[in-house]
């Protein structure tokens, strides 16, 4: 294989499509694998004319045989609305999907990067969260299909490394936002932007004092590529350590879109973490990585995309 051949699971999704775009621009070959449960072909439509791009509709809970150099394993619904809609399928995607991709990596000698999540920390009792923290996860709660699914996926990665010497990279992704997010994915950035653009008051679950840190997608993809190309196995936190309360985020979105809007409050869902912020000391040291795009710049890049998508929806009615 002359060029690197990259397999991206979840390649029609938010992160997968941005990663595919970056790799194609670098002249590499990309095979995009997705069942389009949360992803959509619209995200990759501009790549079909590129001879280095191939799309295969496939569910990774089923094995697949391909010849590739690198596997970017991103497939799994990542928002509560989607992963709770079929929790058994979510758990199968994390376990069987990761097992299948590790098996493929072993057979063809590929390096594999597994996209884990900050949700492995659960509702953390350590703040900010370091990779050494083992987490506080409810194994039988409504979020556990995703939280525990990703935890067993990490376990599989390190067992394949220990038993079969598979080259693994494990990244723990913190809240990420940007163009190509699913408008109905139920996550806070997309919820707030869509509500504001539709002139609706913004809904906060809980009292708004819970915190998150928000990483713009271009920064996240940069960190992901540095991890894959580097020598650090992980797990490694990739996220923006600038922390905001949910109420502060709502106020920023209101100010940017429609200052006349107000905030309404609803009960906090079960096991929703009260604080989340990455310690990125390892990423700085091992990858020379830290995010560059602040929340204001990131939202200014994101809001026009949402505006255009909403307009398309009205035109198609």
C-alpha atoms as a PDB file:
ATOM      1  CA  UNK A   1       0.000   0.000   0.000  1.00  0.00           C
ATOM      2  CA  UNK A   2       1.646   3.203  -1.199  1.00  0.00           C
ATOM      3  CA  UNK A   3      -0.514   5.685   0.679  1.00  0.00           C
ATOM      4  CA  UNK A   4      -1.706   5.139   4.198  1.00  0.00           C
ATOM      5  CA  UNK A   5      -5.117   3.445   4.047  1.00  0.00           C
ATOM      6  CA  UNK A   6      -7.301   4.693   6.890  1.00  0.00           C
ATOM      7  CA  UNK A   7     -10.447   2.968   8.092  1.00  0.00           C
ATOM      8  CA  UNK A   8     -12.797   5.296   9.994  1.00  0.00           C
ATOM      9  CA  UNK A   9     -15.664   3.639  11.834  1.00  0.00           C
ATOM     10  CA  UNK A  10     -18.469   6.111  12.420  1.00  0.00           C
ATOM     11  CA  UNK A  11     -17.133   7.982   9.399  1.00  0.00           C
ATOM     12  CA  UNK A  12     -20.377   9.728   8.436  1.00  0.00           C
ATOM     13  CA  UNK A  13     -20.729  11.199  11.915  1.00  0.00           C
ATOM     14  CA  UNK A  14     -19.723  14.542  13.366  1.00  0.00           C
ATOM     15  CA  UNK A  15     -16.133  13.690  14.286  1.00  0.00           C
ATOM     16  CA  UNK A  16     -15.624  10.996  11.646  1.00  0.00           C
ATOM     17  CA  UNK A  17     -16.452  13.292   8.738  1.00  0.00           C
ATOM     18  CA  UNK A  18     -14.081  15.998   9.983  1.00  0.00           C
ATOM     19  CA  UNK A  19     -11.316  13.416  10.398  1.00  0.00           C
ATOM     20  CA  UNK A  20     -11.970  12.021   6.904  1.00  0.00           C
ATOM     21  CA  UNK A  21     -11.759  15.511   5.436  1.00  0.00           C
ATOM     22  CA  UNK A  22      -8.398  16.150   7.115  1.00  0.00           C
ATOM     23  CA  UNK A  23      -6.904  12.828   5.986  1.00  0.00           C
ATOM     24  CA  UNK A  24      -8.112  13.252   2.401  1.00  0.00           C
ATOM     25  CA  UNK A  25      -6.613  16.740   2.269  1.00  0.00           C
ATOM     26  CA  UNK A  26      -3.310  15.141   3.321  1.00  0.00           C
ATOM     27  CA  UNK A  27      -3.522  12.813   0.308  1.00  0.00           C
ATOM     28  CA  UNK A  28      -4.279   9.657   2.289  1.00  0.00           C
ATOM     29  CA  UNK A  29      -6.842   6.981   1.429  1.00  0.00           C
ATOM     30  CA  UNK A  30      -9.973   6.771   3.547  1.00  0.00           C
ATOM     31  CA  UNK A  31     -12.515   3.977   3.905  1.00  0.00           C
ATOM     32  CA  UNK A  32     -15.546   5.232   5.782  1.00  0.00           C
ATOM     33  CA  UNK A  33     -17.609   2.629   7.627  1.00  0.00           C
ATOM     34  CA  UNK A  34     -20.988   3.548   9.127  1.00  0.00           C
ATOM     35  CA  UNK A  35     -24.531   2.232   9.529  1.00  0.00           C
ATOM     36  CA  UNK A  36     -25.773   5.858   9.559  1.00  0.00           C
ATOM     37  CA  UNK A  37     -27.645   5.452  12.843  1.00  0.00           C
ATOM     38  CA  UNK A  38     -26.531   8.904  13.994  1.00  0.00           C
ATOM     39  CA  UNK A  39     -24.231   9.865  11.116  1.00  0.00           C
ATOM     40  CA  UNK A  40     -25.484  10.920   7.692  1.00  0.00           C
ATOM     41  CA  UNK A  41     -24.215  10.735   4.136  1.00  0.00           C
ATOM     42  CA  UNK A  42     -24.753  14.487   3.818  1.00  0.00           C
ATOM     43  CA  UNK A  43     -21.627  14.928   5.978  1.00  0.00           C
ATOM     44  CA  UNK A  44     -19.433  13.110   3.445  1.00  0.00           C
ATOM     45  CA  UNK A  45     -21.133  14.025   0.148  1.00  0.00           C
ATOM     46  CA  UNK A  46     -18.220  16.246  -0.911  1.00  0.00           C
ATOM     47  CA  UNK A  47     -15.778  13.334  -0.637  1.00  0.00           C
ATOM     48  CA  UNK A  48     -17.444  10.977  -3.137  1.00  0.00           C
ATOM     49  CA  UNK A  49     -15.675  12.591  -6.093  1.00  0.00           C
ATOM     50  CA  UNK A  50     -12.296  11.950  -4.431  1.00  0.00           C
ATOM     51  CA  UNK A  51     -10.704   8.746  -5.795  1.00  0.00           C
ATOM     52  CA  UNK A  52      -9.054   8.168  -2.397  1.00  0.00           C
ATOM     53  CA  UNK A  53     -12.427   7.903  -0.648  1.00  0.00           C
ATOM     54  CA  UNK A  54     -14.708   4.908  -0.247  1.00  0.00           C
ATOM     55  CA  UNK A  55     -17.908   4.513   1.772  1.00  0.00           C
ATOM     56  CA  UNK A  56     -19.178   1.165   3.047  1.00  0.00           C
ATOM     57  CA  UNK A  57     -22.496   0.906   4.854  1.00  0.00           C
ATOM     58  CA  UNK A  58     -21.803  -1.568   7.618  1.00  0.00           C
ATOM     59  CA  UNK A  59     -22.645  -2.254  11.259  1.00  0.00           C
ATOM     60  CA  UNK A  60     -19.437  -2.877  13.196  1.00  0.00           C
ATOM     61  CA  UNK A  61     -21.118  -5.357  15.526  1.00  0.00           C
ATOM     62  CA  UNK A  62     -20.543  -7.636  12.519  1.00  0.00           C
ATOM     63  CA  UNK A  63     -16.942  -8.496  11.500  1.00  0.00           C
ATOM     64  CA  UNK A  64     -15.459  -7.084   8.291  1.00  0.00           C
ATOM     65  CA  UNK A  65     -12.277  -7.971   6.396  1.00  0.00           C
ATOM     66  CA  UNK A  66     -10.318  -5.068   4.870  1.00  0.00           C
ATOM     67  CA  UNK A  67      -6.678  -4.257   4.144  1.00  0.00           C
ATOM     68  CA  UNK A  68      -5.793  -1.083   6.039  1.00  0.00           C
ATOM     69  CA  UNK A  69      -2.853   0.540   7.830  1.00  0.00           C
ATOM     70  CA  UNK A  70      -4.742   2.512  10.437  1.00  0.00           C
ATOM     71  CA  UNK A  71      -8.083   2.138  12.147  1.00  0.00           C
ATOM     72  CA  UNK A  72      -9.797   5.169  13.667  1.00  0.00           C
ATOM     73  CA  UNK A  73     -12.520   3.565  15.757  1.00  0.00           C
ATOM     74  CA  UNK A  74     -15.090   6.301  16.412  1.00  0.00           C
ATOM     75  CA  UNK A  75     -18.356   4.391  15.924  1.00  0.00           C
ATOM     76  CA  UNK A  76     -20.850   4.676  18.786  1.00  0.00           C
ATOM     77  CA  UNK A  77     -23.762   7.020  19.451  1.00  0.00           C
ATOM     78  CA  UNK A  78     -22.414   9.663  21.824  1.00  0.00           C
ATOM     79  CA  UNK A  79     -25.416  11.698  22.956  1.00  0.00           C
ATOM     80  CA  UNK A  80     -27.787  10.486  25.693  1.00  0.00           C
ATOM     81  CA  UNK A  81     -30.854  10.728  23.435  1.00  0.00           C
ATOM     82  CA  UNK A  82     -29.288   8.381  20.899  1.00  0.00           C
ATOM     83  CA  UNK A  83     -27.408   5.948  23.106  1.00  0.00           C
ATOM     84  CA  UNK A  84     -30.368   5.566  25.479  1.00  0.00           C
ATOM     85  CA  UNK A  85     -32.800   4.913  22.633  1.00  0.00           C
ATOM     86  CA  UNK A  86     -31.438   1.364  22.364  1.00  0.00           C
ATOM     87  CA  UNK A  87     -29.071   0.780  25.292  1.00  0.00           C
ATOM     88  CA  UNK A  88     -28.428  -2.885  24.476  1.00  0.00           C
ATOM     89  CA  UNK A  89     -27.376  -1.948  20.946  1.00  0.00           C
ATOM     90  CA  UNK A  90     -25.133   0.791  22.386  1.00  0.00           C
ATOM     91  CA  UNK A  91     -23.390  -1.699  24.673  1.00  0.00           C
ATOM     92  CA  UNK A  92     -23.006  -4.152  21.773  1.00  0.00           C
ATOM     93  CA  UNK A  93     -21.498  -1.433  19.600  1.00  0.00           C
ATOM     94  CA  UNK A  94     -18.877  -0.616  22.233  1.00  0.00           C
ATOM     95  CA  UNK A  95     -18.052  -4.230  23.079  1.00  0.00           C
ATOM     96  CA  UNK A  96     -18.530  -6.219  19.862  1.00  0.00           C
ATOM     97  CA  UNK A  97     -17.580  -3.293  17.627  1.00  0.00           C
ATOM     98  CA  UNK A  98     -14.320  -2.729  19.471  1.00  0.00           C
ATOM     99  CA  UNK A  99     -13.642  -6.488  19.580  1.00  0.00           C
ATOM    100  CA  UNK A 100     -14.117  -6.694  15.809  1.00  0.00           C
ATOM    101  CA  UNK A 101     -11.891  -3.712  15.106  1.00  0.00           C
ATOM    102  CA  UNK A 102      -9.138  -5.003  17.405  1.00  0.00           C
ATOM    103  CA  UNK A 103      -9.376  -8.374  15.674  1.00  0.00           C
ATOM    104  CA  UNK A 104      -8.965  -6.638  12.327  1.00  0.00           C
ATOM    105  CA  UNK A 105      -6.009  -4.614  13.625  1.00  0.00           C
ATOM    106  CA  UNK A 106      -4.373  -7.815  14.849  1.00  0.00           C
ATOM    107  CA  UNK A 107      -4.882  -9.634  11.522  1.00  0.00           C
ATOM    108  CA  UNK A 108      -3.523  -6.887   9.275  1.00  0.00           C
ATOM    109  CA  UNK A 109      -0.975  -5.331  11.661  1.00  0.00           C
ATOM    110  CA  UNK A 110      -2.775  -1.966  11.756  1.00  0.00           C
ATOM    111  CA  UNK A 111      -2.479   0.672  14.447  1.00  0.00           C
ATOM    112  CA  UNK A 112      -5.866   1.386  16.037  1.00  0.00           C
ATOM    113  CA  UNK A 113      -7.093   4.505  17.806  1.00  0.00           C
ATOM    114  CA  UNK A 114     -10.168   3.991  19.968  1.00  0.00           C
ATOM    115  CA  UNK A 115     -12.303   7.029  20.713  1.00  0.00           C
ATOM    116  CA  UNK A 116     -13.197   6.667  24.373  1.00  0.00           C
ATOM    117  CA  UNK A 117     -14.920   9.375  26.382  1.00  0.00           C
ATOM    118  CA  UNK A 118     -14.801  11.512  29.489  1.00  0.00           C
ATOM    119  CA  UNK A 119     -17.928   9.583  30.511  1.00  0.00           C
ATOM    120  CA  UNK A 120     -15.635   6.822  31.793  1.00  0.00           C
ATOM    121  CA  UNK A 121     -15.102   9.157  34.773  1.00  0.00           C
ATOM    122  CA  UNK A 122     -18.847   9.153  35.526  1.00  0.00           C
ATOM    123  CA  UNK A 123     -19.919  11.819  38.002  1.00  0.00           C
ATOM    124  CA  UNK A 124     -16.341  12.508  39.118  1.00  0.00           C
ATOM    125  CA  UNK A 125     -15.184  12.929  42.671  1.00  0.00           C
ATOM    126  CA  UNK A 126     -11.843  14.253  41.383  1.00  0.00           C
ATOM    127  CA  UNK A 127     -11.678  17.620  39.639  1.00  0.00           C
ATOM    128  CA  UNK A 128     -10.238  18.227  37.124  1.00  0.00           C
ATOM    129  CA  UNK A 129     -10.077  14.644  35.892  1.00  0.00           C
ATOM    130  CA  UNK A 130      -6.678  13.037  35.330  1.00  0.00           C
ATOM    131  CA  UNK A 131      -6.198   9.855  33.333  1.00  0.00           C
ATOM    132  CA  UNK A 132      -5.141   8.096  36.545  1.00  0.00           C
ATOM    133  CA  UNK A 133      -8.610   8.643  38.053  1.00  0.00           C
ATOM    134  CA  UNK A 134     -10.675   5.441  37.831  1.00  0.00           C
ATOM    135  CA  UNK A 135     -14.027   7.175  37.820  1.00  0.00           C
ATOM    136  CA  UNK A 136     -17.342   7.052  39.669  1.00  0.00           C
ATOM    137  CA  UNK A 137     -19.766   5.284  37.349  1.00  0.00           C
ATOM    138  CA  UNK A 138     -23.185   3.818  38.146  1.00  0.00           C
ATOM    139  CA  UNK A 139     -23.008   0.398  36.429  1.00  0.00           C
ATOM    140  CA  UNK A 140     -26.807  -0.068  36.362  1.00  0.00           C
ATOM    141  CA  UNK A 141     -27.954   3.483  35.570  1.00  0.00           C
ATOM    142  CA  UNK A 142     -29.532   4.775  32.387  1.00  0.00           C
ATOM    143  CA  UNK A 143     -26.173   6.109  31.148  1.00  0.00           C
ATOM    144  CA  UNK A 144     -24.215   2.934  31.896  1.00  0.00           C
ATOM    145  CA  UNK A 145     -24.748   1.410  28.431  1.00  0.00           C
ATOM    146  CA  UNK A 146     -22.427   4.140  27.134  1.00  0.00           C
ATOM    147  CA  UNK A 147     -20.194   4.753  30.185  1.00  0.00           C
ATOM    148  CA  UNK A 148     -19.516   1.091  30.909  1.00  0.00           C
ATOM    149  CA  UNK A 149     -19.460   0.267  27.204  1.00  0.00           C
ATOM    150  CA  UNK A 150     -16.531   2.604  26.720  1.00  0.00           C
ATOM    151  CA  UNK A 151     -14.824   1.308  29.848  1.00  0.00           C
ATOM    152  CA  UNK A 152     -14.899  -2.290  28.564  1.00  0.00           C
ATOM    153  CA  UNK A 153     -13.747  -1.029  25.154  1.00  0.00           C
ATOM    154  CA  UNK A 154     -10.668   0.463  26.837  1.00  0.00           C
ATOM    155  CA  UNK A 155     -10.130  -2.837  28.671  1.00  0.00           C
ATOM    156  CA  UNK A 156     -10.210  -4.754  25.387  1.00  0.00           C
ATOM    157  CA  UNK A 157      -7.679  -2.377  23.827  1.00  0.00           C
ATOM    158  CA  UNK A 158      -5.137  -2.846  26.586  1.00  0.00           C
ATOM    159  CA  UNK A 159      -5.692  -6.607  26.721  1.00  0.00           C
ATOM    160  CA  UNK A 160      -5.067  -6.839  22.958  1.00  0.00           C
ATOM    161  CA  UNK A 161      -1.907  -4.810  23.485  1.00  0.00           C
ATOM    162  CA  UNK A 162      -0.722  -7.069  26.298  1.00  0.00           C
ATOM    163  CA  UNK A 163      -1.690 -10.392  24.682  1.00  0.00           C
ATOM    164  CA  UNK A 164      -1.177  -9.722  20.969  1.00  0.00           C
ATOM    165  CA  UNK A 165       1.056  -6.638  20.887  1.00  0.00           C
ATOM    166  CA  UNK A 166      -1.547  -4.665  18.911  1.00  0.00           C
ATOM    167  CA  UNK A 167      -0.575  -1.007  18.496  1.00  0.00           C
ATOM    168  CA  UNK A 168      -3.323   0.865  20.341  1.00  0.00           C
ATOM    169  CA  UNK A 169      -4.088   4.496  20.994  1.00  0.00           C
ATOM    170  CA  UNK A 170      -6.868   5.392  23.463  1.00  0.00           C
ATOM    171  CA  UNK A 171      -8.206   8.933  23.694  1.00  0.00           C
ATOM    172  CA  UNK A 172     -10.788  10.173  26.162  1.00  0.00           C
ATOM    173  CA  UNK A 173     -12.841  12.819  24.395  1.00  0.00           C
ATOM    174  CA  UNK A 174     -14.425  15.632  26.378  1.00  0.00           C
ATOM    175  CA  UNK A 175     -17.377  17.727  25.164  1.00  0.00           C
ATOM    176  CA  UNK A 176     -16.786  18.696  21.536  1.00  0.00           C
ATOM    177  CA  UNK A 177     -18.837  20.971  19.286  1.00  0.00           C
ATOM    178  CA  UNK A 178     -18.772  22.461  15.799  1.00  0.00           C
ATOM    179  CA  UNK A 179     -20.307  22.200  12.320  1.00  0.00           C
ATOM    180  CA  UNK A 180     -21.922  18.858  11.355  1.00  0.00           C
ATOM    181  CA  UNK A 181     -23.278  18.153  14.822  1.00  0.00           C
ATOM    182  CA  UNK A 182     -26.640  16.432  14.683  1.00  0.00           C
ATOM    183  CA  UNK A 183     -29.283  19.108  15.233  1.00  0.00           C
ATOM    184  CA  UNK A 184     -31.342  16.714  17.373  1.00  0.00           C
ATOM    185  CA  UNK A 185     -28.562  15.013  19.313  1.00  0.00           C
ATOM    186  CA  UNK A 186     -29.734  16.493  22.614  1.00  0.00           C
ATOM    187  CA  UNK A 187     -26.333  17.789  23.710  1.00  0.00           C
ATOM    188  CA  UNK A 188     -26.170  21.172  25.332  1.00  0.00           C
ATOM    189  CA  UNK A 189     -24.379  23.207  22.621  1.00  0.00           C
ATOM    190  CA  UNK A 190     -26.632  22.022  19.805  1.00  0.00           C
ATOM    191  CA  UNK A 191     -29.744  22.299  21.999  1.00  0.00           C
ATOM    192  CA  UNK A 192     -28.990  25.906  22.934  1.00  0.00           C
ATOM    193  CA  UNK A 193     -28.091  27.010  19.399  1.00  0.00           C
ATOM    194  CA  UNK A 194     -31.133  25.367  17.804  1.00  0.00           C
ATOM    195  CA  UNK A 195     -33.516  26.765  20.443  1.00  0.00           C
ATOM    196  CA  UNK A 196     -32.061  30.250  20.104  1.00  0.00           C
ATOM    197  CA  UNK A 197     -32.187  30.210  16.291  1.00  0.00           C
ATOM    198  CA  UNK A 198     -35.851  29.174  16.517  1.00  0.00           C
ATOM    199  CA  UNK A 199     -36.517  32.049  18.962  1.00  0.00           C
ATOM    200  CA  UNK A 200     -37.307  29.661  21.811  1.00  0.00           C
ATOM    201  CA  UNK A 201     -36.213  30.132  25.390  1.00  0.00           C
ATOM    202  CA  UNK A 202     -33.184  28.005  26.277  1.00  0.00           C
ATOM    203  CA  UNK A 203     -33.827  24.939  28.438  1.00  0.00           C
ATOM    204  CA  UNK A 204     -31.371  24.161  31.239  1.00  0.00           C
ATOM    205  CA  UNK A 205     -31.608  20.818  33.043  1.00  0.00           C
ATOM    206  CA  UNK A 206     -30.854  21.328  36.725  1.00  0.00           C
ATOM    207  CA  UNK A 207     -30.014  24.741  38.147  1.00  0.00           C
ATOM    208  CA  UNK A 208     -27.323  25.522  35.555  1.00  0.00           C
ATOM    209  CA  UNK A 209     -24.463  25.430  38.052  1.00  0.00           C
ATOM    210  CA  UNK A 210     -23.106  22.144  36.680  1.00  0.00           C
ATOM    211  CA  UNK A 211     -19.958  22.655  34.611  1.00  0.00           C
ATOM    212  CA  UNK A 212     -18.579  21.457  31.296  1.00  0.00           C
ATOM    213  CA  UNK A 213     -15.576  22.303  29.142  1.00  0.00           C
ATOM    214  CA  UNK A 214     -16.149  22.668  25.414  1.00  0.00           C
ATOM    215  CA  UNK A 215     -13.577  21.836  22.723  1.00  0.00           C
ATOM    216  CA  UNK A 216     -13.973  23.024  19.140  1.00  0.00           C
ATOM    217  CA  UNK A 217     -13.875  20.176  16.639  1.00  0.00           C
ATOM    218  CA  UNK A 218     -10.746  21.345  14.750  1.00  0.00           C
ATOM    219  CA  UNK A 219      -8.747  21.288  17.992  1.00  0.00           C
ATOM    220  CA  UNK A 220     -10.064  17.823  18.824  1.00  0.00           C
ATOM    221  CA  UNK A 221      -9.121  16.416  15.398  1.00  0.00           C
ATOM    222  CA  UNK A 222      -5.641  17.913  15.740  1.00  0.00           C
ATOM    223  CA  UNK A 223      -5.211  16.132  19.077  1.00  0.00           C
ATOM    224  CA  UNK A 224      -6.553  12.882  17.642  1.00  0.00           C
ATOM    225  CA  UNK A 225      -4.099  12.928  14.747  1.00  0.00           C
ATOM    226  CA  UNK A 226      -1.167  13.771  17.014  1.00  0.00           C
ATOM    227  CA  UNK A 227      -2.086  10.826  19.242  1.00  0.00           C
ATOM    228  CA  UNK A 228      -2.325   8.402  16.312  1.00  0.00           C
ATOM    229  CA  UNK A 229       1.004   9.589  14.894  1.00  0.00           C
ATOM    230  CA  UNK A 230       2.802   9.625  18.255  1.00  0.00           C
ATOM    231  CA  UNK A 231       4.126   6.874  20.493  1.00  0.00           C
ATOM    232  CA  UNK A 232       1.856   7.313  23.534  1.00  0.00           C
ATOM    233  CA  UNK A 233      -0.726   4.536  23.961  1.00  0.00           C
ATOM    234  CA  UNK A 234      -2.993   6.478  26.267  1.00  0.00           C
ATOM    235  CA  UNK A 235      -5.463   6.707  27.720  1.00  0.00           C
ATOM    236  CA  UNK A 236      -5.109  10.425  27.164  1.00  0.00           C
ATOM    237  CA  UNK A 237      -7.567  13.281  27.748  1.00  0.00           C
ATOM    238  CA  UNK A 238      -8.340  15.450  24.727  1.00  0.00           C
ATOM    239  CA  UNK A 239     -10.553  18.394  25.548  1.00  0.00           C
ATOM    240  CA  UNK A 240     -10.589  22.064  26.394  1.00  0.00           C
ATOM    241  CA  UNK A 241      -9.857  22.761  30.081  1.00  0.00           C
ATOM    242  CA  UNK A 242     -11.670  26.121  30.070  1.00  0.00           C
ATOM    243  CA  UNK A 243     -14.651  25.397  32.293  1.00  0.00           C
ATOM    244  CA  UNK A 244     -18.105  27.019  32.076  1.00  0.00           C
ATOM    245  CA  UNK A 245     -21.310  26.536  33.972  1.00  0.00           C
ATOM    246  CA  UNK A 246     -24.229  25.512  31.775  1.00  0.00           C
ATOM    247  CA  UNK A 247     -25.915  28.806  32.660  1.00  0.00           C
ATOM    248  CA  UNK A 248     -22.857  30.750  31.468  1.00  0.00           C
ATOM    249  CA  UNK A 249     -22.941  28.872  28.154  1.00  0.00           C
ATOM    250  CA  UNK A 250     -26.650  29.645  27.744  1.00  0.00           C
ATOM    251  CA  UNK A 251     -25.999  33.342  28.369  1.00  0.00           C
ATOM    252  CA  UNK A 252     -23.202  33.390  25.760  1.00  0.00           C
ATOM    253  CA  UNK A 253     -25.465  31.760  23.146  1.00  0.00           C
ATOM    254  CA  UNK A 254     -28.349  34.130  23.945  1.00  0.00           C
ATOM    255  CA  UNK A 255     -26.061  37.145  23.608  1.00  0.00           C
ATOM    256  CA  UNK A 256     -24.791  35.928  20.228  1.00  0.00           C
ATOM    257  CA  UNK A 257     -28.154  35.006  18.700  1.00  0.00           C
ATOM    258  CA  UNK A 258     -31.043  36.820  20.401  1.00  0.00           C
ATOM    259  CA  UNK A 259     -30.555  38.826  23.624  1.00  0.00           C
ATOM    260  CA  UNK A 260     -34.332  38.919  24.180  1.00  0.00           C
ATOM    261  CA  UNK A 261     -34.515  35.196  24.914  1.00  0.00           C
ATOM    262  CA  UNK A 262     -34.765  33.838  28.442  1.00  0.00           C
ATOM    263  CA  UNK A 263     -33.801  30.637  30.273  1.00  0.00           C
ATOM    264  CA  UNK A 264     -36.216  27.988  31.536  1.00  0.00           C
ATOM    265  CA  UNK A 265     -35.333  25.158  33.907  1.00  0.00           C
ATOM    266  CA  UNK A 266     -36.172  21.439  33.961  1.00  0.00           C
ATOM    267  CA  UNK A 267     -35.143  18.602  36.323  1.00  0.00           C
ATOM    268  CA  UNK A 268     -31.624  17.199  35.990  1.00  0.00           C
ATOM    269  CA  UNK A 269     -31.566  13.685  34.417  1.00  0.00           C
ATOM    270  CA  UNK A 270     -30.369  10.698  36.450  1.00  0.00           C
ATOM    271  CA  UNK A 271     -26.586  10.371  36.830  1.00  0.00           C
ATOM    272  CA  UNK A 272     -25.910  13.561  34.869  1.00  0.00           C
ATOM    273  CA  UNK A 273     -22.375  14.636  35.939  1.00  0.00           C
ATOM    274  CA  UNK A 274     -22.225  17.838  37.981  1.00  0.00           C
ATOM    275  CA  UNK A 275     -18.757  18.806  36.781  1.00  0.00           C
ATOM    276  CA  UNK A 276     -16.462  17.831  33.961  1.00  0.00           C
ATOM    277  CA  UNK A 277     -13.071  19.292  33.099  1.00  0.00           C
ATOM    278  CA  UNK A 278     -10.010  17.570  31.639  1.00  0.00           C
ATOM    279  CA  UNK A 279      -6.524  17.682  33.019  1.00  0.00           C
ATOM    280  CA  UNK A 280      -4.539  17.854  29.759  1.00  0.00           C
ATOM    281  CA  UNK A 281      -1.059  17.720  31.274  1.00  0.00           C
ATOM    282  CA  UNK A 282      -0.239  14.433  29.501  1.00  0.00           C
ATOM    283  CA  UNK A 283      -1.492  15.737  26.138  1.00  0.00           C
ATOM    284  CA  UNK A 284       0.691  18.830  26.517  1.00  0.00           C
ATOM    285  CA  UNK A 285       3.743  16.779  27.445  1.00  0.00           C
ATOM    286  CA  UNK A 286       3.380  13.787  25.106  1.00  0.00           C
ATOM    287  CA  UNK A 287       1.640  15.366  22.090  1.00  0.00           C
ATOM    288  CA  UNK A 288       2.625  19.053  22.416  1.00  0.00           C
ATOM    289  CA  UNK A 289      -1.114  19.632  22.119  1.00  0.00           C
ATOM    290  CA  UNK A 290      -3.513  22.089  23.644  1.00  0.00           C
ATOM    291  CA  UNK A 291      -6.660  23.692  22.221  1.00  0.00           C
ATOM    292  CA  UNK A 292      -6.322  27.027  20.424  1.00  0.00           C
ATOM    293  CA  UNK A 293      -9.938  28.040  19.719  1.00  0.00           C
ATOM    294  CA  UNK A 294     -11.884  29.643  22.570  1.00  0.00           C
ATOM    295  CA  UNK A 295     -15.630  29.383  23.075  1.00  0.00           C
ATOM    296  CA  UNK A 296     -16.434  32.707  21.385  1.00  0.00           C
ATOM    297  CA  UNK A 297     -14.473  31.907  18.239  1.00  0.00           C
ATOM    298  CA  UNK A 298     -15.804  28.357  18.170  1.00  0.00           C
ATOM    299  CA  UNK A 299     -19.431  29.423  18.473  1.00  0.00           C
ATOM    300  CA  UNK A 300     -18.914  32.050  15.765  1.00  0.00           C
ATOM    301  CA  UNK A 301     -17.797  29.218  13.465  1.00  0.00           C
ATOM    302  CA  UNK A 302     -20.619  26.897  14.547  1.00  0.00           C
ATOM    303  CA  UNK A 303     -23.751  29.058  14.651  1.00  0.00           C
ATOM    304  CA  UNK A 304     -23.796  29.912  10.893  1.00  0.00           C
ATOM    305  CA  UNK A 305     -23.713  26.194  10.044  1.00  0.00           C
ATOM    306  CA  UNK A 306     -26.708  25.517  12.307  1.00  0.00           C
ATOM    307  CA  UNK A 307     -28.534  28.489  10.802  1.00  0.00           C
ATOM    308  CA  UNK A 308     -28.004  27.100   7.306  1.00  0.00           C
ATOM    309  CA  UNK A 309     -29.132  23.587   8.329  1.00  0.00           C
ATOM    310  CA  UNK A 310     -32.304  24.895   9.943  1.00  0.00           C
ATOM    311  CA  UNK A 311     -33.054  26.981   6.830  1.00  0.00           C
ATOM    312  CA  UNK A 312     -32.626  23.857   4.670  1.00  0.00           C
ATOM    313  CA  UNK A 313     -35.117  22.027   6.870  1.00  0.00           C
ATOM    314  CA  UNK A 314     -37.734  24.747   6.403  1.00  0.00           C
ATOM    315  CA  UNK A 315     -37.115  24.792   2.631  1.00  0.00           C
ATOM    316  CA  UNK A 316     -37.596  21.024   2.409  1.00  0.00           C
ATOM    317  CA  UNK A 317     -40.954  21.047   4.176  1.00  0.00           C
END
